[in-house]
Amino acid sequence: MRKIIIYLILVFISFLIIQSCKHTPDFIPDPNLKDTSRIDTTIITKRPCSPDTVYYAKDIQPIFSAYCVGTGCHSGNSPAEGLDLTTYLKAMSGGKIKPFNAANSDVYQVLIDTDPDKRMPPAGPLPANKIDLIKKWINQGSKNLWCDDIGSACDSSNVKYSTTISKILSDNCVGCHGAGGSGGVTLTNYNGVKTVVTNLKLWNSINHLSGATKAMPNSTTKLSSCNLRQIKIWIDAGAPQN
């Protein structure tokens, strides 16, 4: 009998010890809660381009780089007329661009001057569509706006000299490298282009490689990745005159 009582007492004590070890958890997991530790919460903001807006990096700087930033022109330590057009900040600091007022902006006025001795660039007038683009940009406030050209495709399946390469060079290079161009480089005809393709000057320059004589279109601006890809495809195909 005594043994039974002792046994019951021990059982009761064990029960009390077990109960004392139990506690209400501080945090009760929500059964609907999902593990987000591996979810990338970084938000990448895209700014689609508006057809009614002129963007400096996309629309204006390429014009300045192709037609205005050449040896002895609007770049370097002593740019012509004190106007450096290699970057947005330098272009605006020259005081020759008046936001919202193209009519009083020297940068625009020299493009439409009827006197060939005063008109810029010296090699000949800019195409009318490029002049209109600069005018529109200034009248929109000459802002340093940017955008992502979402959805635009880079045509790398039908790259030809006559339609693709010549247009890239015309838009970005012939302002300085027309007939009798800067550095003896002429990019207005196939033979001139093929020469700098063969001696690697073109590829080294547009990629800003260390072996380049000079970075093009200028030291602060490169062609778009799409344009570089198209030129590479054409060169790898043997740079044909197609």
Protein backbone atom coordinates (compact mmCIF):
# COMPACT_ATOMS: atom_id res chain seq x y z
CA MET A 1 0.00 0.00 0.00
CA ARG A 2 2.84 2.30 0.97
CA LYS A 3 4.51 1.63 -2.39
CA ILE A 4 1.33 2.54 -4.26
CA ILE A 5 1.06 5.85 -2.42
CA ILE A 6 4.68 6.68 -3.15
CA TYR A 7 4.15 5.79 -6.82
CA LEU A 8 1.08 8.04 -7.07
CA ILE A 9 2.96 10.90 -5.44
CA LEU A 10 5.79 10.56 -7.95
CA VAL A 11 3.34 10.51 -10.83
CA PHE A 12 1.67 13.66 -9.54
CA ILE A 13 5.02 15.46 -9.11
CA SER A 14 6.02 14.47 -12.66
CA PHE A 15 2.74 15.86 -13.96
CA LEU A 16 3.38 19.20 -12.23
CA ILE A 17 6.89 19.39 -13.68
CA ILE A 18 5.65 18.72 -17.22
CA GLN A 19 2.92 21.35 -16.91
CA SER A 20 5.38 23.93 -15.63
CA CYS A 21 7.49 23.46 -18.77
CA LYS A 22 4.60 24.31 -21.05
CA HIS A 23 4.00 27.94 -22.03
CA THR A 24 2.01 29.97 -24.47
CA PRO A 25 4.17 30.74 -27.50
CA ASP A 26 5.09 34.39 -28.03
CA PHE A 27 4.39 34.10 -31.79
CA ILE A 28 1.66 32.02 -33.37
CA PRO A 29 2.43 31.53 -37.08
CA ASP A 30 -0.30 32.57 -39.46
CA PRO A 31 -1.14 29.48 -41.54
CA ASN A 32 -1.74 31.76 -44.52
CA LEU A 33 1.62 33.51 -44.22
CA LYS A 34 4.00 32.75 -47.10
CA ASP A 35 7.78 32.74 -46.96
CA THR A 36 8.95 35.96 -48.65
CA SER A 37 12.62 35.65 -47.75
CA ARG A 38 13.47 34.63 -51.31
CA ILE A 39 11.28 37.14 -53.09
CA ASP A 40 13.13 39.99 -54.80
CA THR A 41 11.20 43.09 -53.79
CA THR A 42 13.33 45.47 -55.85
CA ILE A 43 11.10 47.65 -57.99
CA ILE A 44 12.58 48.65 -61.33
CA THR A 45 10.91 51.77 -62.63
CA LYS A 46 10.53 52.11 -66.37
CA ARG A 47 9.85 55.35 -68.16
CA PRO A 48 8.38 54.74 -71.59
CA CYS A 49 9.23 57.31 -74.24
CA SER A 50 6.50 59.69 -75.28
CA PRO A 51 6.31 60.53 -78.98
CA ASP A 52 5.52 64.14 -78.07
CA THR A 53 8.57 64.66 -75.86
CA VAL A 54 12.16 65.31 -76.92
CA TYR A 55 14.73 63.52 -74.74
CA TYR A 56 18.24 64.90 -74.46
CA ALA A 57 20.25 61.66 -74.28
CA LYS A 58 18.16 59.88 -76.89
CA ASP A 59 17.46 62.69 -79.35
CA ILE A 60 19.72 65.72 -78.86
CA GLN A 61 23.15 64.56 -77.71
CA PRO A 62 23.55 62.27 -80.76
CA ILE A 63 23.03 65.32 -83.02
CA PHE A 64 25.55 67.41 -81.11
CA SER A 65 28.02 64.50 -81.11
CA ALA A 66 27.71 63.90 -84.84
CA TYR A 67 27.70 67.46 -86.12
CA CYS A 68 29.18 69.74 -83.48
CA VAL A 69 31.74 67.92 -81.37
CA GLY A 70 34.75 67.73 -83.66
CA THR A 71 38.37 68.82 -83.61
CA GLY A 72 38.41 72.59 -83.25
CA CYS A 73 34.65 72.70 -82.75
CA HIS A 74 32.53 72.46 -79.61
CA SER A 75 34.67 70.28 -77.35
CA GLY A 76 38.04 70.23 -75.65
CA ASN A 77 39.75 72.84 -73.50
CA SER A 78 38.95 75.74 -75.82
CA PRO A 79 35.63 75.00 -77.53
CA ALA A 80 34.49 77.33 -80.30
CA GLU A 81 32.46 80.29 -79.00
CA GLY A 82 33.03 78.95 -75.49
CA LEU A 83 30.37 76.33 -76.13
CA ASP A 84 31.09 72.71 -75.19
CA LEU A 85 28.43 70.32 -76.45
CA THR A 86 29.87 67.04 -75.19
CA THR A 87 27.47 66.74 -72.23
CA TYR A 88 24.17 68.22 -71.10
CA LEU A 89 25.66 70.22 -68.22
CA LYS A 90 28.38 71.71 -70.40
CA ALA A 91 25.93 72.53 -73.16
CA MET A 92 23.63 74.36 -70.75
CA SER A 93 26.45 76.19 -68.98
CA GLY A 94 27.46 77.95 -72.20
CA GLY A 95 24.54 80.37 -71.94
CA LYS A 96 23.59 79.89 -75.59
CA ILE A 97 20.54 77.75 -74.93
CA LYS A 98 17.54 79.61 -73.50
CA PRO A 99 14.95 77.18 -72.11
CA PHE A 100 11.49 77.60 -73.62
CA ASN A 101 12.86 80.15 -76.09
CA ALA A 102 14.47 78.75 -79.23
CA ALA A 103 14.08 82.11 -80.99
CA ASN A 104 16.60 83.65 -78.58
CA SER A 105 18.89 80.66 -78.34
CA ASP A 106 22.13 81.03 -80.27
CA VAL A 107 22.46 77.25 -80.60
CA TYR A 108 19.26 77.19 -82.64
CA GLN A 109 19.70 80.48 -84.49
CA VAL A 110 23.05 79.52 -86.04
CA LEU A 111 21.39 76.42 -87.49
CA ILE A 112 18.87 78.46 -89.48
CA ASP A 113 21.05 81.46 -90.36
CA THR A 114 20.76 82.22 -94.08
CA ASP A 115 24.34 83.47 -94.24
CA PRO A 116 26.49 80.42 -95.07
CA ASP A 117 29.46 82.03 -93.32
CA LYS A 118 27.54 82.19 -90.06
CA ARG A 119 25.41 79.09 -90.37
CA MET A 120 26.42 75.98 -88.45
CA PRO A 121 27.76 73.44 -88.91
CA PRO A 122 30.36 74.76 -91.37
CA ALA A 123 30.13 71.66 -93.58
CA GLY A 124 26.53 72.44 -94.44
CA PRO A 125 23.10 72.82 -92.87
CA LEU A 126 21.67 70.16 -90.61
CA PRO A 127 18.81 68.08 -92.00
CA ALA A 128 15.53 69.90 -91.40
CA ASN A 129 14.17 67.17 -89.12
CA LYS A 130 17.17 67.53 -86.79
CA ILE A 131 16.83 71.31 -86.68
CA ASP A 132 13.15 70.93 -85.83
CA LEU A 133 14.05 68.45 -83.08
CA ILE A 134 16.48 70.88 -81.45
CA LYS A 135 13.92 73.69 -81.69
CA LYS A 136 11.25 71.52 -80.09
CA TRP A 137 13.62 70.42 -77.32
CA ILE A 138 14.51 74.02 -76.43
CA ASN A 139 10.89 75.15 -76.53
CA GLN A 140 9.98 72.26 -74.23
CA GLY A 141 12.39 73.67 -71.67
CA SER A 142 15.67 72.11 -72.87
CA LYS A 143 15.39 69.58 -70.07
CA ASN A 144 17.63 66.60 -69.40
CA LEU A 145 14.80 64.09 -69.63
CA TRP A 146 15.36 60.38 -70.17
CA CYS A 147 13.20 57.43 -71.03
CA ASP A 148 13.34 53.71 -71.69
CA ASP A 149 12.31 52.90 -75.23
CA ILE A 150 10.25 49.95 -74.02
CA GLY A 151 9.14 47.61 -76.73
CA SER A 152 11.42 48.96 -79.41
CA ALA A 153 13.16 46.16 -81.21
CA CYS A 154 16.75 46.11 -82.36
CA ASP A 155 16.70 44.75 -85.90
CA SER A 156 19.70 42.45 -86.06
CA SER A 157 18.31 40.06 -88.65
CA ASN A 158 18.43 42.31 -91.70
CA VAL A 159 21.55 44.42 -91.28
CA LYS A 160 22.75 45.97 -94.53
CA TYR A 161 25.22 48.71 -95.39
CA SER A 162 22.76 50.60 -97.58
CA THR A 163 19.95 50.75 -95.01
CA THR A 164 21.40 50.13 -91.55
CA ILE A 165 25.08 51.02 -91.39
CA SER A 166 24.98 54.12 -93.57
CA LYS A 167 22.09 55.50 -91.51
CA ILE A 168 23.94 54.94 -88.21
CA LEU A 169 26.99 56.71 -89.58
CA SER A 170 24.91 59.51 -91.08
CA ASP A 171 23.08 60.12 -87.81
CA ASN A 172 26.14 59.99 -85.59
CA CYS A 173 29.39 60.49 -87.51
CA VAL A 174 29.28 62.30 -90.82
CA GLY A 175 28.92 65.69 -89.18
CA CYS A 176 32.67 65.49 -88.60
CA HIS A 177 33.58 62.75 -91.05
CA GLY A 178 32.08 63.98 -94.30
CA ALA A 179 34.12 64.64 -97.41
CA GLY A 180 37.65 65.49 -96.28
CA GLY A 181 36.56 64.65 -92.77
CA SER A 182 38.32 65.03 -89.46
CA GLY A 183 41.47 62.92 -89.13
CA GLY A 184 41.34 62.06 -92.80
CA VAL A 185 38.40 59.72 -92.13
CA THR A 186 35.47 59.91 -94.55
CA LEU A 187 32.33 57.97 -93.67
CA THR A 188 29.98 59.16 -96.40
CA ASN A 189 30.84 56.38 -98.84
CA TYR A 190 31.45 52.65 -98.67
CA ASN A 191 35.16 52.78 -99.56
CA GLY A 192 35.87 55.22 -96.76
CA VAL A 193 33.95 53.12 -94.27
CA LYS A 194 35.58 49.86 -95.41
CA THR A 195 39.03 51.40 -94.90
CA VAL A 196 38.44 52.10 -91.20
CA VAL A 197 36.74 48.74 -90.77
CA THR A 198 39.79 46.94 -92.19
CA ASN A 199 42.31 48.81 -90.05
CA LEU A 200 40.04 48.40 -86.97
CA LYS A 201 39.82 52.14 -86.39
CA LEU A 202 36.04 52.16 -86.61
CA TRP A 203 35.42 49.33 -84.14
CA ASN A 204 38.03 50.51 -81.65
CA SER A 205 36.76 54.08 -81.75
CA ILE A 206 33.04 53.43 -81.38
CA ASN A 207 33.70 51.02 -78.50
CA HIS A 208 36.05 53.46 -76.76
CA LEU A 209 38.76 50.78 -76.63
CA SER A 210 42.23 51.56 -75.33
CA GLY A 211 43.77 51.07 -78.78
CA ALA A 212 41.53 53.70 -80.38
CA THR A 213 43.10 56.87 -81.75
CA LYS A 214 40.05 58.71 -80.51
CA ALA A 215 36.79 57.66 -78.87
CA MET A 216 33.74 58.23 -81.06
CA PRO A 217 31.26 59.86 -81.42
CA ASN A 218 33.19 61.55 -78.57
CA SER A 219 34.89 60.65 -75.32
CA THR A 220 31.70 60.92 -73.27
CA THR A 221 29.17 59.44 -75.68
CA LYS A 222 28.92 55.98 -77.22
CA LEU A 223 26.56 54.65 -79.84
CA SER A 224 23.55 52.77 -78.52
CA SER A 225 24.00 49.09 -77.72
CA CYS A 226 21.67 48.32 -80.63
CA ASN A 227 23.81 50.29 -83.09
CA LEU A 228 26.99 48.65 -81.83
CA ARG A 229 25.41 45.23 -82.19
CA GLN A 230 24.29 45.99 -85.75
CA ILE A 231 27.74 47.22 -86.78
CA LYS A 232 29.36 44.14 -85.22
CA ILE A 233 27.02 41.83 -87.13
CA TRP A 234 27.83 43.63 -90.39
CA ILE A 235 31.58 43.55 -89.77
CA ASP A 236 31.51 39.86 -88.81
CA ALA A 237 29.71 39.18 -92.09
CA GLY A 238 32.67 40.67 -93.96
CA ALA A 239 31.39 44.27 -94.11
CA PRO A 240 29.68 43.73 -97.48
CA GLN A 241 28.47 46.56 -99.69
CA ASN A 242 24.91 45.28 -99.64
